[in-house]
PDB file of N, CA and C in Angstrom:
ATOM      1  N   UNK A   1      10.149  26.126  12.294  1.00  0.00           N
ATOM      2  CA  UNK A   1      10.898  24.887  12.412  1.00  0.00           C
ATOM      3  C   UNK A   1      10.403  23.909  11.348  1.00  0.00           C
ATOM      4  N   UNK A   2      11.318  23.298  10.655  1.00  0.00           N
ATOM      5  CA  UNK A   2      10.966  22.316   9.632  1.00  0.00           C
ATOM      6  C   UNK A   2      10.670  20.975  10.284  1.00  0.00           C
ATOM      7  N   UNK A   3       9.657  20.324   9.791  1.00  0.00           N
ATOM      8  CA  UNK A   3       9.277  18.989  10.271  1.00  0.00           C
ATOM      9  C   UNK A   3       9.308  18.026   9.086  1.00  0.00           C
ATOM     10  N   UNK A   4       9.660  16.786   9.345  1.00  0.00           N
ATOM     11  CA  UNK A   4       9.737  15.766   8.308  1.00  0.00           C
ATOM     12  C   UNK A   4       8.890  14.569   8.728  1.00  0.00           C
ATOM     13  N   UNK A   5       8.377  13.868   7.734  1.00  0.00           N
ATOM     14  CA  UNK A   5       7.516  12.719   7.980  1.00  0.00           C
ATOM     15  C   UNK A   5       8.162  11.483   7.358  1.00  0.00           C
ATOM     16  N   UNK A   6       8.319  10.435   8.158  1.00  0.00           N
ATOM     17  CA  UNK A   6       8.855   9.155   7.702  1.00  0.00           C
ATOM     18  C   UNK A   6       7.690   8.188   7.528  1.00  0.00           C
ATOM     19  N   UNK A   7       7.573   7.640   6.322  1.00  0.00           N
ATOM     20  CA  UNK A   7       6.557   6.629   6.024  1.00  0.00           C
ATOM     21  C   UNK A   7       7.324   5.367   5.644  1.00  0.00           C
ATOM     22  N   UNK A   8       7.040   4.259   6.312  1.00  0.00           N
ATOM     23  CA  UNK A   8       7.829   3.056   6.049  1.00  0.00           C
ATOM     24  C   UNK A   8       7.005   1.784   6.128  1.00  0.00           C
ATOM     25  N   UNK A   9       7.603   0.719   5.584  1.00  0.00           N
ATOM     26  CA  UNK A   9       7.016  -0.618   5.647  1.00  0.00           C
ATOM     27  C   UNK A   9       8.163  -1.601   5.830  1.00  0.00           C
ATOM     28  N   UNK A  10       8.117  -2.362   6.900  1.00  0.00           N
ATOM     29  CA  UNK A  10       9.135  -3.369   7.198  1.00  0.00           C
ATOM     30  C   UNK A  10       8.534  -4.737   6.872  1.00  0.00           C
ATOM     31  N   UNK A  11       9.291  -5.626   6.178  1.00  0.00           N
ATOM     32  CA  UNK A  11       8.766  -6.964   5.882  1.00  0.00           C
ATOM     33  C   UNK A  11       8.338  -7.699   7.158  1.00  0.00           C
ATOM     34  N   UNK A  12       7.263  -8.457   7.064  1.00  0.00           N
ATOM     35  CA  UNK A  12       6.713  -9.162   8.234  1.00  0.00           C
ATOM     36  C   UNK A  12       7.719 -10.086   8.913  1.00  0.00           C
ATOM     37  N   UNK A  13       8.597 -10.689   8.134  1.00  0.00           N
ATOM     38  CA  UNK A  13       9.560 -11.622   8.725  1.00  0.00           C
ATOM     39  C   UNK A  13      10.715 -10.913   9.429  1.00  0.00           C
ATOM     40  N   UNK A  14      10.778  -9.606   9.322  1.00  0.00           N
ATOM     41  CA  UNK A  14      11.846  -8.825   9.950  1.00  0.00           C
ATOM     42  C   UNK A  14      11.382  -8.209  11.271  1.00  0.00           C
ATOM     43  N   UNK A  15      10.947  -9.044  12.191  1.00  0.00           N
ATOM     44  CA  UNK A  15      10.435  -8.564  13.476  1.00  0.00           C
ATOM     45  C   UNK A  15      11.520  -7.819  14.248  1.00  0.00           C
ATOM     46  N   UNK A  16      12.733  -8.315  14.216  1.00  0.00           N
ATOM     47  CA  UNK A  16      13.829  -7.665  14.947  1.00  0.00           C
ATOM     48  C   UNK A  16      14.085  -6.256  14.411  1.00  0.00           C
ATOM     49  N   UNK A  17      14.004  -6.089  13.099  1.00  0.00           N
ATOM     50  CA  UNK A  17      14.205  -4.774  12.495  1.00  0.00           C
ATOM     51  C   UNK A  17      13.068  -3.838  12.901  1.00  0.00           C
ATOM     52  N   UNK A  18      11.849  -4.333  12.881  1.00  0.00           N
ATOM     53  CA  UNK A  18      10.686  -3.525  13.270  1.00  0.00           C
ATOM     54  C   UNK A  18      10.819  -3.030  14.713  1.00  0.00           C
ATOM     55  N   UNK A  19      11.271  -3.896  15.591  1.00  0.00           N
ATOM     56  CA  UNK A  19      11.457  -3.513  16.995  1.00  0.00           C
ATOM     57  C   UNK A  19      12.576  -2.479  17.115  1.00  0.00           C
ATOM     58  N   UNK A  20      13.666  -2.692  16.386  1.00  0.00           N
ATOM     59  CA  UNK A  20      14.786  -1.753  16.429  1.00  0.00           C
ATOM     60  C   UNK A  20      14.348  -0.377  15.926  1.00  0.00           C
ATOM     61  N   UNK A  21      13.575  -0.337  14.843  1.00  0.00           N
ATOM     62  CA  UNK A  21      13.074   0.929  14.299  1.00  0.00           C
ATOM     63  C   UNK A  21      12.169   1.606  15.324  1.00  0.00           C
ATOM     64  N   UNK A  22      11.242   0.865  15.892  1.00  0.00           N
ATOM     65  CA  UNK A  22      10.308   1.421  16.875  1.00  0.00           C
ATOM     66  C   UNK A  22      11.061   2.004  18.079  1.00  0.00           C
ATOM     67  N   UNK A  23      12.050   1.256  18.576  1.00  0.00           N
ATOM     68  CA  UNK A  23      12.821   1.731  19.736  1.00  0.00           C
ATOM     69  C   UNK A  23      13.603   3.005  19.413  1.00  0.00           C
ATOM     70  N   UNK A  24      14.169   3.055  18.208  1.00  0.00           N
ATOM     71  CA  UNK A  24      14.934   4.241  17.819  1.00  0.00           C
ATOM     72  C   UNK A  24      14.010   5.454  17.693  1.00  0.00           C
ATOM     73  N   UNK A  25      12.839   5.256  17.110  1.00  0.00           N
ATOM     74  CA  UNK A  25      11.869   6.351  16.989  1.00  0.00           C
ATOM     75  C   UNK A  25      11.429   6.840  18.368  1.00  0.00           C
ATOM     76  N   UNK A  26      11.245   5.915  19.305  1.00  0.00           N
ATOM     77  CA  UNK A  26      10.900   6.295  20.671  1.00  0.00           C
ATOM     78  C   UNK A  26      12.043   7.069  21.324  1.00  0.00           C
ATOM     79  N   UNK A  27      13.266   6.615  21.084  1.00  0.00           N
ATOM     80  CA  UNK A  27      14.448   7.235  21.691  1.00  0.00           C
ATOM     81  C   UNK A  27      14.623   8.690  21.254  1.00  0.00           C
ATOM     82  N   UNK A  28      14.368   8.969  19.972  1.00  0.00           N
ATOM     83  CA  UNK A  28      14.535  10.340  19.481  1.00  0.00           C
ATOM     84  C   UNK A  28      13.284  11.181  19.708  1.00  0.00           C
ATOM     85  N   UNK A  29      12.276  10.573  20.348  1.00  0.00           N
ATOM     86  CA  UNK A  29      11.017  11.258  20.662  1.00  0.00           C
ATOM     87  C   UNK A  29      10.269  11.729  19.414  1.00  0.00           C
ATOM     88  N   UNK A  30      10.262  10.843  18.409  1.00  0.00           N
ATOM     89  CA  UNK A  30       9.479  11.121  17.207  1.00  0.00           C
ATOM     90  C   UNK A  30       8.001  11.006  17.550  1.00  0.00           C
ATOM     91  N   UNK A  31       7.170  11.713  16.811  1.00  0.00           N
ATOM     92  CA  UNK A  31       5.733  11.736  17.062  1.00  0.00           C
ATOM     93  C   UNK A  31       5.037  10.777  16.097  1.00  0.00           C
ATOM     94  N   UNK A  32       4.288   9.830  16.625  1.00  0.00           N
ATOM     95  CA  UNK A  32       3.594   8.838  15.815  1.00  0.00           C
ATOM     96  C   UNK A  32       2.281   9.415  15.294  1.00  0.00           C
ATOM     97  N   UNK A  33       2.153   9.488  13.963  1.00  0.00           N
ATOM     98  CA  UNK A  33       0.925   9.962  13.339  1.00  0.00           C
ATOM     99  C   UNK A  33      -0.013   8.803  13.053  1.00  0.00           C
ATOM    100  N   UNK A  34       0.551   7.698  12.573  1.00  0.00           N
ATOM    101  CA  UNK A  34      -0.160   6.441  12.317  1.00  0.00           C
ATOM    102  C   UNK A  34       0.828   5.320  12.554  1.00  0.00           C
ATOM    103  N   UNK A  35       0.395   4.080  12.288  1.00  0.00           N
ATOM    104  CA  UNK A  35       1.217   2.913  12.591  1.00  0.00           C
ATOM    105  C   UNK A  35       2.646   3.018  12.038  1.00  0.00           C
ATOM    106  N   UNK A  36       2.800   3.300  10.767  1.00  0.00           N
ATOM    107  CA  UNK A  36       4.126   3.398  10.153  1.00  0.00           C
ATOM    108  C   UNK A  36       4.387   4.788   9.594  1.00  0.00           C
ATOM    109  N   UNK A  37       3.848   5.788  10.238  1.00  0.00           N
ATOM    110  CA  UNK A  37       4.025   7.180   9.823  1.00  0.00           C
ATOM    111  C   UNK A  37       4.432   7.985  11.056  1.00  0.00           C
ATOM    112  N   UNK A  38       5.655   8.503  11.029  1.00  0.00           N
ATOM    113  CA  UNK A  38       6.206   9.216  12.177  1.00  0.00           C
ATOM    114  C   UNK A  38       6.749  10.574  11.751  1.00  0.00           C
ATOM    115  N   UNK A  39       6.744  11.518  12.682  1.00  0.00           N
ATOM    116  CA  UNK A  39       7.151  12.890  12.404  1.00  0.00           C
ATOM    117  C   UNK A  39       8.283  13.290  13.357  1.00  0.00           C
ATOM    118  N   UNK A  40       9.270  14.019  12.799  1.00  0.00           N
ATOM    119  CA  UNK A  40      10.386  14.501  13.618  1.00  0.00           C
ATOM    120  C   UNK A  40      11.057  15.667  12.898  1.00  0.00           C
ATOM    121  N   UNK A  41      11.780  16.490  13.635  1.00  0.00           N
ATOM    122  CA  UNK A  41      12.433  17.658  13.043  1.00  0.00           C
ATOM    123  C   UNK A  41      13.870  17.404  12.594  1.00  0.00           C
ATOM    124  N   UNK A  42      14.469  16.283  12.997  1.00  0.00           N
ATOM    125  CA  UNK A  42      15.869  16.000  12.646  1.00  0.00           C
ATOM    126  C   UNK A  42      15.928  15.066  11.432  1.00  0.00           C
ATOM    127  N   UNK A  43      16.189  15.654  10.277  1.00  0.00           N
ATOM    128  CA  UNK A  43      16.216  14.890   9.031  1.00  0.00           C
ATOM    129  C   UNK A  43      17.299  13.814   9.045  1.00  0.00           C
ATOM    130  N   UNK A  44      18.471  14.104   9.578  1.00  0.00           N
ATOM    131  CA  UNK A  44      19.573  13.133   9.567  1.00  0.00           C
ATOM    132  C   UNK A  44      19.222  11.863  10.341  1.00  0.00           C
ATOM    133  N   UNK A  45      18.506  11.997  11.441  1.00  0.00           N
ATOM    134  CA  UNK A  45      18.110  10.813  12.209  1.00  0.00           C
ATOM    135  C   UNK A  45      17.074   9.989  11.450  1.00  0.00           C
ATOM    136  N   UNK A  46      16.158  10.656  10.766  1.00  0.00           N
ATOM    137  CA  UNK A  46      15.169   9.930   9.972  1.00  0.00           C
ATOM    138  C   UNK A  46      15.832   9.222   8.785  1.00  0.00           C
ATOM    139  N   UNK A  47      16.851   9.845   8.208  1.00  0.00           N
ATOM    140  CA  UNK A  47      17.589   9.199   7.115  1.00  0.00           C
ATOM    141  C   UNK A  47      18.292   7.950   7.616  1.00  0.00           C
ATOM    142  N   UNK A  48      18.860   7.985   8.825  1.00  0.00           N
ATOM    143  CA  UNK A  48      19.491   6.795   9.414  1.00  0.00           C
ATOM    144  C   UNK A  48      18.489   5.657   9.530  1.00  0.00           C
ATOM    145  N   UNK A  49      17.301   5.969  10.025  1.00  0.00           N
ATOM    146  CA  UNK A  49      16.265   4.952  10.191  1.00  0.00           C
ATOM    147  C   UNK A  49      15.813   4.430   8.831  1.00  0.00           C
ATOM    148  N   UNK A  50      15.600   5.322   7.875  1.00  0.00           N
ATOM    149  CA  UNK A  50      15.162   4.914   6.534  1.00  0.00           C
ATOM    150  C   UNK A  50      16.200   4.015   5.870  1.00  0.00           C
ATOM    151  N   UNK A  51      17.471   4.316   6.066  1.00  0.00           N
ATOM    152  CA  UNK A  51      18.546   3.496   5.509  1.00  0.00           C
ATOM    153  C   UNK A  51      18.525   2.090   6.112  1.00  0.00           C
ATOM    154  N   UNK A  52      18.349   1.991   7.415  1.00  0.00           N
ATOM    155  CA  UNK A  52      18.245   0.688   8.087  1.00  0.00           C
ATOM    156  C   UNK A  52      17.071  -0.113   7.520  1.00  0.00           C
ATOM    157  N   UNK A  53      15.937   0.537   7.356  1.00  0.00           N
ATOM    158  CA  UNK A  53      14.741  -0.134   6.839  1.00  0.00           C
ATOM    159  C   UNK A  53      14.980  -0.641   5.422  1.00  0.00           C
ATOM    160  N   UNK A  54      15.557   0.189   4.564  1.00  0.00           N
ATOM    161  CA  UNK A  54      15.801  -0.212   3.173  1.00  0.00           C
ATOM    162  C   UNK A  54      16.826  -1.340   3.080  1.00  0.00           C
ATOM    163  N   UNK A  55      17.864  -1.307   3.925  1.00  0.00           N
ATOM    164  CA  UNK A  55      18.871  -2.373   3.918  1.00  0.00           C
ATOM    165  C   UNK A  55      18.277  -3.708   4.355  1.00  0.00           C
ATOM    166  N   UNK A  56      17.197  -3.672   5.127  1.00  0.00           N
ATOM    167  CA  UNK A  56      16.568  -4.907   5.587  1.00  0.00           C
ATOM    168  C   UNK A  56      15.470  -5.383   4.641  1.00  0.00           C
ATOM    169  N   UNK A  57      15.344  -4.726   3.485  1.00  0.00           N
ATOM    170  CA  UNK A  57      14.368  -5.167   2.497  1.00  0.00           C
ATOM    171  C   UNK A  57      13.035  -4.440   2.550  1.00  0.00           C
ATOM    172  N   UNK A  58      12.939  -3.435   3.384  1.00  0.00           N
ATOM    173  CA  UNK A  58      11.697  -2.672   3.505  1.00  0.00           C
ATOM    174  C   UNK A  58      11.703  -1.450   2.605  1.00  0.00           C
ATOM    175  N   UNK A  59      10.671  -0.652   2.726  1.00  0.00           N
ATOM    176  CA  UNK A  59      10.603   0.586   1.957  1.00  0.00           C
ATOM    177  C   UNK A  59      10.416   1.748   2.925  1.00  0.00           C
ATOM    178  N   UNK A  60      10.991   2.892   2.561  1.00  0.00           N
ATOM    179  CA  UNK A  60      10.909   4.068   3.422  1.00  0.00           C
ATOM    180  C   UNK A  60      10.951   5.328   2.569  1.00  0.00           C
ATOM    181  N   UNK A  61      10.130   6.288   2.957  1.00  0.00           N
ATOM    182  CA  UNK A  61      10.061   7.572   2.277  1.00  0.00           C
ATOM    183  C   UNK A  61      10.048   8.671   3.338  1.00  0.00           C
ATOM    184  N   UNK A  62      10.761   9.750   3.067  1.00  0.00           N
ATOM    185  CA  UNK A  62      10.764  10.894   3.974  1.00  0.00           C
ATOM    186  C   UNK A  62      10.213  12.097   3.211  1.00  0.00           C
ATOM    187  N   UNK A  63       9.238  12.741   3.803  1.00  0.00           N
ATOM    188  CA  UNK A  63       8.613  13.916   3.202  1.00  0.00           C
ATOM    189  C   UNK A  63       8.828  15.112   4.110  1.00  0.00           C
ATOM    190  N   UNK A  64       8.890  16.300   3.516  1.00  0.00           N
ATOM    191  CA  UNK A  64       8.937  17.516   4.321  1.00  0.00           C
ATOM    192  C   UNK A  64       7.506  18.000   4.519  1.00  0.00           C
ATOM    193  N   UNK A  65       7.157  18.248   5.768  1.00  0.00           N
ATOM    194  CA  UNK A  65       5.804  18.694   6.078  1.00  0.00           C
ATOM    195  C   UNK A  65       5.667  20.176   5.712  1.00  0.00           C
ATOM    196  N   UNK A  66       4.553  20.491   5.054  1.00  0.00           N
ATOM    197  CA  UNK A  66       4.278  21.874   4.684  1.00  0.00           C
ATOM    198  C   UNK A  66       2.796  22.147   4.883  1.00  0.00           C
ATOM    199  N   UNK A  67       2.496  23.116   5.687  1.00  0.00           N
ATOM    200  CA  UNK A  67       1.111  23.481   5.937  1.00  0.00           C
ATOM    201  C   UNK A  67       0.595  24.297   4.762  1.00  0.00           C
ATOM    202  N   UNK A  68      -0.506  23.856   4.177  1.00  0.00           N
ATOM    203  CA  UNK A  68      -1.066  24.522   3.014  1.00  0.00           C
ATOM    204  C   UNK A  68      -2.246  25.404   3.395  1.00  0.00           C
ATOM    205  N   UNK A  69      -3.057  24.944   4.302  1.00  0.00           N
ATOM    206  CA  UNK A  69      -4.263  25.702   4.677  1.00  0.00           C
ATOM    207  C   UNK A  69      -4.515  25.600   6.155  1.00  0.00           C
TER     208      UNK A  69
END
């Protein structure tokens, strides 16, 4: 199964966006690795979240997880 990692940063003044992102990540049962680093297997849902973050002035990157060792 492929896993993807979302790394993001929401501007401090965008509290409503941060809450919306957090709630959506909880809803899809994404796994929190660190504060703004989350893991999930559904790429399309992570792209939706990343698009919301970027439209609100934040930054977002999605990586494909690959085990090396």
